[in-house]
PDB file of N, CA and C in Angstrom:
ATOM      1  N   MET A   1      29.114  20.986-105.333  1.00  0.00           N
ATOM      2  CA  MET A   1      29.040  19.803-105.724  1.00  0.00           C
ATOM      3  C   MET A   1      28.577  19.087-107.252  1.00  0.00           C
ATOM      4  N   LYS A   2      27.826  20.463-107.411  1.00  0.00           N
ATOM      5  CA  LYS A   2      27.486  20.342-109.387  1.00  0.00           C
ATOM      6  C   LYS A   2      28.831  19.845-110.149  1.00  0.00           C
ATOM      7  N   GLU A   3      29.972  20.334-109.674  1.00  0.00           N
ATOM      8  CA  GLU A   3      31.046  20.300-110.386  1.00  0.00           C
ATOM      9  C   GLU A   3      31.464  19.115-110.335  1.00  0.00           C
ATOM     10  N   TYR A   4      31.537  17.881-109.419  1.00  0.00           N
ATOM     11  CA  TYR A   4      31.145  16.541-109.032  1.00  0.00           C
ATOM     12  C   TYR A   4      30.965  16.159-110.239  1.00  0.00           C
ATOM     13  N   PHE A   5      29.666  16.313-110.176  1.00  0.00           N
ATOM     14  CA  PHE A   5      28.673  15.764-111.725  1.00  0.00           C
ATOM     15  C   PHE A   5      29.393  15.864-112.722  1.00  0.00           C
ATOM     16  N   LEU A   6      29.824  17.530-113.257  1.00  0.00           N
ATOM     17  CA  LEU A   6      29.886  17.924-114.347  1.00  0.00           C
ATOM     18  C   LEU A   6      31.516  16.914-114.736  1.00  0.00           C
ATOM     19  N   ASN A   7      32.092  16.595-113.773  1.00  0.00           N
ATOM     20  CA  ASN A   7      33.408  15.896-114.501  1.00  0.00           C
ATOM     21  C   ASN A   7      33.492  14.626-114.251  1.00  0.00           C
ATOM     22  N   ARG A   8      32.735  13.960-114.213  1.00  0.00           N
ATOM     23  CA  ARG A   8      32.091  12.335-114.491  1.00  0.00           C
ATOM     24  C   ARG A   8      32.707  11.908-115.734  1.00  0.00           C
ATOM     25  N   GLY A   9      33.624  10.935-115.460  1.00  0.00           N
ATOM     26  CA  GLY A   9      34.287  10.669-116.584  1.00  0.00           C
ATOM     27  C   GLY A   9      35.456  11.031-116.838  1.00  0.00           C
ATOM     28  N   LYS A  10      35.779  12.215-116.458  1.00  0.00           N
ATOM     29  CA  LYS A  10      36.997  12.765-116.528  1.00  0.00           C
ATOM     30  C   LYS A  10      38.257  11.900-115.712  1.00  0.00           C
ATOM     31  N   GLU A  11      39.389  11.855-116.697  1.00  0.00           N
ATOM     32  CA  GLU A  11      40.747  11.080-115.885  1.00  0.00           C
ATOM     33  C   GLU A  11      40.974  11.763-114.766  1.00  0.00           C
ATOM     34  N   ASN A  12      40.888  13.316-115.068  1.00  0.00           N
ATOM     35  CA  ASN A  12      42.094  14.025-114.438  1.00  0.00           C
ATOM     36  C   ASN A  12      41.795  14.422-112.582  1.00  0.00           C
ATOM     37  N   SER A  13      40.317  13.871-112.440  1.00  0.00           N
ATOM     38  CA  SER A  13      39.936  14.098-110.669  1.00  0.00           C
ATOM     39  C   SER A  13      39.466  12.680-110.558  1.00  0.00           C
ATOM     40  N   PHE A  14      39.718  12.611-109.216  1.00  0.00           N
ATOM     41  CA  PHE A  14      39.036  11.395-108.483  1.00  0.00           C
ATOM     42  C   PHE A  14      37.563  11.251-108.888  1.00  0.00           C
ATOM     43  N   ALA A  15      36.928  12.002-108.731  1.00  0.00           N
ATOM     44  CA  ALA A  15      35.558  12.108-108.647  1.00  0.00           C
ATOM     45  C   ALA A  15      35.047  11.771-110.283  1.00  0.00           C
ATOM     46  N   GLY A  16      35.644  12.418-111.091  1.00  0.00           N
ATOM     47  CA  GLY A  16      35.624  11.661-112.429  1.00  0.00           C
ATOM     48  C   GLY A  16      35.778  10.497-112.949  1.00  0.00           C
ATOM     49  N   LYS A  17      37.057  10.143-112.830  1.00  0.00           N
ATOM     50  CA  LYS A  17      37.893   8.915-112.808  1.00  0.00           C
ATOM     51  C   LYS A  17      36.600   7.535-112.187  1.00  0.00           C
ATOM     52  N   TYR A  18      36.289   7.989-110.933  1.00  0.00           N
ATOM     53  CA  TYR A  18      35.711   6.914-110.495  1.00  0.00           C
ATOM     54  C   TYR A  18      34.095   7.086-110.025  1.00  0.00           C
ATOM     55  N   TYR A  19      33.670   8.060-110.748  1.00  0.00           N
ATOM     56  CA  TYR A  19      32.598   8.006-111.138  1.00  0.00           C
ATOM     57  C   TYR A  19      31.663   8.678-109.683  1.00  0.00           C
ATOM     58  N   CYS A  20      31.992   9.125-108.766  1.00  0.00           N
ATOM     59  CA  CYS A  20      31.909   9.871-107.303  1.00  0.00           C
ATOM     60  C   CYS A  20      31.070  11.276-107.446  1.00  0.00           C
ATOM     61  N   TYR A  21      29.889  11.041-107.612  1.00  0.00           N
ATOM     62  CA  TYR A  21      29.558  12.233-107.915  1.00  0.00           C
ATOM     63  C   TYR A  21      28.020  12.170-107.203  1.00  0.00           C
ATOM     64  N   ASN A  22      27.502  11.090-106.337  1.00  0.00           N
ATOM     65  CA  ASN A  22      26.532  11.713-105.620  1.00  0.00           C
ATOM     66  C   ASN A  22      26.660  11.965-104.388  1.00  0.00           C
ATOM     67  N   LEU A  23      26.196  12.983-103.597  1.00  0.00           N
ATOM     68  CA  LEU A  23      26.362  13.334-102.339  1.00  0.00           C
ATOM     69  C   LEU A  23      25.450  12.879-101.348  1.00  0.00           C
ATOM     70  N   VAL A  24      25.682  12.138-100.288  1.00  0.00           N
ATOM     71  CA  VAL A  24      25.282  11.395 -99.205  1.00  0.00           C
ATOM     72  C   VAL A  24      25.477  11.693 -97.548  1.00  0.00           C
ATOM     73  N   TYR A  25      26.426  13.127 -98.102  1.00  0.00           N
ATOM     74  CA  TYR A  25      27.139  13.838 -96.418  1.00  0.00           C
ATOM     75  C   TYR A  25      27.274  14.635 -97.119  1.00  0.00           C
ATOM     76  N   PHE A  26      27.125  16.070 -95.934  1.00  0.00           N
ATOM     77  CA  PHE A  26      28.022  16.949 -96.196  1.00  0.00           C
ATOM     78  C   PHE A  26      28.034  17.903 -94.724  1.00  0.00           C
ATOM     79  N   GLU A  27      28.923  18.821 -94.319  1.00  0.00           N
ATOM     80  CA  GLU A  27      28.981  19.732 -93.714  1.00  0.00           C
ATOM     81  C   GLU A  27      29.362  20.795 -93.863  1.00  0.00           C
ATOM     82  N   GLU A  28      28.562  21.670 -93.299  1.00  0.00           N
ATOM     83  CA  GLU A  28      29.157  23.025 -93.354  1.00  0.00           C
ATOM     84  C   GLU A  28      30.036  23.778 -92.491  1.00  0.00           C
ATOM     85  N   HIS A  29      31.162  24.691 -93.098  1.00  0.00           N
ATOM     86  CA  HIS A  29      32.107  25.271 -92.338  1.00  0.00           C
ATOM     87  C   HIS A  29      31.772  26.564 -92.573  1.00  0.00           C
ATOM     88  N   PHE A  30      32.519  27.505 -91.662  1.00  0.00           N
ATOM     89  CA  PHE A  30      32.149  29.052 -92.276  1.00  0.00           C
ATOM     90  C   PHE A  30      33.608  29.366 -92.665  1.00  0.00           C
ATOM     91  N   LYS A  31      34.308  28.576 -91.867  1.00  0.00           N
ATOM     92  CA  LYS A  31      35.952  29.025 -92.309  1.00  0.00           C
ATOM     93  C   LYS A  31      36.472  27.769 -93.011  1.00  0.00           C
ATOM     94  N   PRO A  32      37.049  28.350 -94.215  1.00  0.00           N
ATOM     95  CA  PRO A  32      37.918  27.350 -95.307  1.00  0.00           C
ATOM     96  C   PRO A  32      38.853  26.374 -94.390  1.00  0.00           C
ATOM     97  N   MET A  33      39.405  27.049 -93.400  1.00  0.00           N
ATOM     98  CA  MET A  33      40.893  26.224 -93.175  1.00  0.00           C
ATOM     99  C   MET A  33      40.036  25.340 -91.885  1.00  0.00           C
ATOM    100  N   ASP A  34      38.546  25.273 -91.031  1.00  0.00           N
ATOM    101  CA  ASP A  34      37.568  24.581 -90.718  1.00  0.00           C
ATOM    102  C   ASP A  34      37.614  23.405 -91.527  1.00  0.00           C
ATOM    103  N   ALA A  35      37.314  23.561 -93.034  1.00  0.00           N
ATOM    104  CA  ALA A  35      36.432  22.594 -93.535  1.00  0.00           C
ATOM    105  C   ALA A  35      37.735  21.856 -93.960  1.00  0.00           C
ATOM    106  N   ILE A  36      38.632  22.336 -94.342  1.00  0.00           N
ATOM    107  CA  ILE A  36      40.218  21.594 -94.435  1.00  0.00           C
ATOM    108  C   ILE A  36      40.276  20.878 -93.585  1.00  0.00           C
ATOM    109  N   ASP A  37      40.522  21.019 -92.366  1.00  0.00           N
ATOM    110  CA  ASP A  37      41.106  20.418 -90.892  1.00  0.00           C
ATOM    111  C   ASP A  37      40.086  19.053 -90.980  1.00  0.00           C
ATOM    112  N   ARG A  38      38.632  19.355 -91.155  1.00  0.00           N
ATOM    113  CA  ARG A  38      37.849  18.550 -91.134  1.00  0.00           C
ATOM    114  C   ARG A  38      37.905  17.632 -92.278  1.00  0.00           C
ATOM    115  N   GLU A  39      37.887  17.951 -93.345  1.00  0.00           N
ATOM    116  CA  GLU A  39      38.155  16.424 -94.361  1.00  0.00           C
ATOM    117  C   GLU A  39      39.580  15.952 -94.262  1.00  0.00           C
ATOM    118  N   LYS A  40      40.543  16.572 -93.950  1.00  0.00           N
ATOM    119  CA  LYS A  40      41.643  15.861 -93.769  1.00  0.00           C
ATOM    120  C   LYS A  40      41.095  14.870 -92.275  1.00  0.00           C
ATOM    121  N   GLU A  41      40.590  15.013 -91.317  1.00  0.00           N
ATOM    122  CA  GLU A  41      39.952  14.593 -90.305  1.00  0.00           C
ATOM    123  C   GLU A  41      39.437  13.219 -91.048  1.00  0.00           C
ATOM    124  N   ILE A  42      38.522  13.253 -91.617  1.00  0.00           N
ATOM    125  CA  ILE A  42      38.032  12.510 -92.168  1.00  0.00           C
ATOM    126  C   ILE A  42      38.518  11.381 -93.218  1.00  0.00           C
ATOM    127  N   LYS A  43      39.291  11.853 -93.967  1.00  0.00           N
ATOM    128  CA  LYS A  43      39.758  11.132 -94.519  1.00  0.00           C
ATOM    129  C   LYS A  43      40.647  10.021 -94.120  1.00  0.00           C
ATOM    130  N   LYS A  44      41.206   9.944 -92.680  1.00  0.00           N
ATOM    131  CA  LYS A  44      41.897   9.262 -91.748  1.00  0.00           C
ATOM    132  C   LYS A  44      41.006   8.194 -91.266  1.00  0.00           C
ATOM    133  N   PHE A  45      39.499   8.833 -91.196  1.00  0.00           N
ATOM    134  CA  PHE A  45      38.712   7.480 -90.617  1.00  0.00           C
ATOM    135  C   PHE A  45      38.927   5.971 -91.731  1.00  0.00           C
ATOM    136  N   THR A  46      38.463   5.023 -90.471  1.00  0.00           N
ATOM    137  CA  THR A  46      38.171   3.848 -91.626  1.00  0.00           C
ATOM    138  C   THR A  46      37.084   3.425 -92.317  1.00  0.00           C
ATOM    139  N   ARG A  47      36.697   3.094 -93.029  1.00  0.00           N
ATOM    140  CA  ARG A  47      35.907   3.031 -94.000  1.00  0.00           C
ATOM    141  C   ARG A  47      34.523   2.633 -92.983  1.00  0.00           C
ATOM    142  N   LYS A  48      34.574   1.841 -92.029  1.00  0.00           N
ATOM    143  CA  LYS A  48      33.699   1.829 -90.751  1.00  0.00           C
ATOM    144  C   LYS A  48      33.128   3.185 -90.150  1.00  0.00           C
ATOM    145  N   GLN A  49      33.951   3.888 -89.971  1.00  0.00           N
ATOM    146  CA  GLN A  49      33.588   5.327 -89.322  1.00  0.00           C
ATOM    147  C   GLN A  49      33.028   6.113 -89.954  1.00  0.00           C
ATOM    148  N   LYS A  50      33.276   6.077 -91.246  1.00  0.00           N
ATOM    149  CA  LYS A  50      32.951   6.792 -92.204  1.00  0.00           C
ATOM    150  C   LYS A  50      31.268   6.555 -92.786  1.00  0.00           C
ATOM    151  N   GLU A  51      31.183   5.159 -92.547  1.00  0.00           N
ATOM    152  CA  GLU A  51      29.523   4.771 -92.754  1.00  0.00           C
ATOM    153  C   GLU A  51      29.051   4.883 -91.649  1.00  0.00           C
ATOM    154  N   GLU A  52      29.095   4.835 -90.226  1.00  0.00           N
ATOM    155  CA  GLU A  52      28.464   5.313 -89.517  1.00  0.00           C
ATOM    156  C   GLU A  52      28.496   6.665 -89.426  1.00  0.00           C
ATOM    157  N   LEU A  53      29.229   7.872 -89.732  1.00  0.00           N
ATOM    158  CA  LEU A  53      29.338   9.175 -90.203  1.00  0.00           C
ATOM    159  C   LEU A  53      28.162   9.506 -90.685  1.00  0.00           C
ATOM    160  N   ILE A  54      27.897   8.807 -92.022  1.00  0.00           N
ATOM    161  CA  ILE A  54      26.967   8.874 -92.977  1.00  0.00           C
ATOM    162  C   ILE A  54      25.720   8.518 -92.234  1.00  0.00           C
ATOM    163  N   ASN A  55      25.423   7.402 -91.506  1.00  0.00           N
ATOM    164  CA  ASN A  55      24.470   6.831 -91.064  1.00  0.00           C
ATOM    165  C   ASN A  55      23.445   7.949 -90.076  1.00  0.00           C
ATOM    166  N   SER A  56      24.144   8.335 -89.217  1.00  0.00           N
ATOM    167  CA  SER A  56      23.848   9.752 -88.218  1.00  0.00           C
ATOM    168  C   SER A  56      23.324  10.741 -89.106  1.00  0.00           C
ATOM    169  N   LYS A  57      23.414  10.848 -89.871  1.00  0.00           N
ATOM    170  CA  LYS A  57      22.797  11.863 -90.576  1.00  0.00           C
ATOM    171  C   LYS A  57      21.729  11.696 -91.750  1.00  0.00           C
ATOM    172  N   ASN A  58      22.661  10.549 -92.260  1.00  0.00           N
ATOM    173  CA  ASN A  58      21.464  10.519 -93.571  1.00  0.00           C
ATOM    174  C   ASN A  58      21.236   8.514 -93.939  1.00  0.00           C
ATOM    175  N   PRO A  59      20.555   8.008 -92.635  1.00  0.00           N
ATOM    176  CA  PRO A  59      20.807   6.615 -92.520  1.00  0.00           C
ATOM    177  C   PRO A  59      20.042   5.697 -93.739  1.00  0.00           C
ATOM    178  N   GLU A  60      19.025   6.598 -94.563  1.00  0.00           N
ATOM    179  CA  GLU A  60      18.751   5.914 -96.011  1.00  0.00           C
ATOM    180  C   GLU A  60      20.107   6.067 -96.863  1.00  0.00           C
ATOM    181  N   TRP A  61      20.926   7.026 -96.932  1.00  0.00           N
ATOM    182  CA  TRP A  61      21.902   6.766 -98.084  1.00  0.00           C
ATOM    183  C   TRP A  61      20.737   7.246 -98.808  1.00  0.00           C
ATOM    184  N   ASN A  62      20.340   8.073 -99.118  1.00  0.00           N
ATOM    185  CA  ASN A  62      19.570   9.335-100.345  1.00  0.00           C
ATOM    186  C   ASN A  62      20.697  10.311-100.416  1.00  0.00           C
ATOM    187  N   PHE A  63      20.464  10.443-101.908  1.00  0.00           N
ATOM    188  CA  PHE A  63      21.632  11.046-102.509  1.00  0.00           C
ATOM    189  C   PHE A  63      20.759  12.790-102.305  1.00  0.00           C
ATOM    190  N   ILE A  64      21.645  14.012-101.745  1.00  0.00           N
ATOM    191  CA  ILE A  64      21.412  14.823-101.672  1.00  0.00           C
ATOM    192  C   ILE A  64      21.766  15.573-102.569  1.00  0.00           C
ATOM    193  N   ARG A  65      20.309  16.744-103.002  1.00  0.00           N
ATOM    194  CA  ARG A  65      20.706  17.306-104.067  1.00  0.00           C
ATOM    195  C   ARG A  65      20.499  18.979-103.643  1.00  0.00           C
ATOM    196  N   PHE A  66      21.143  19.733-104.674  1.00  0.00           N
ATOM    197  CA  PHE A  66      21.333  21.290-103.986  1.00  0.00           C
ATOM    198  C   PHE A  66      20.955  22.094-105.249  1.00  0.00           C
TER     199      PHE A  66
END
């Protein structure tokens, strides 16, 4: 998560280009392929589905710090 913050303002990454570095939701996976599969699944969600997912775990949309 720290990498996103450090890349802020850098055009070569999505997070840097759009200043997306505040974490409001995450999932923990023990197998990298499970995490990749889940990320692909979430990327197909509509904005409403993504907001509902965040609201289910973090209804206040507080920034998560590590």
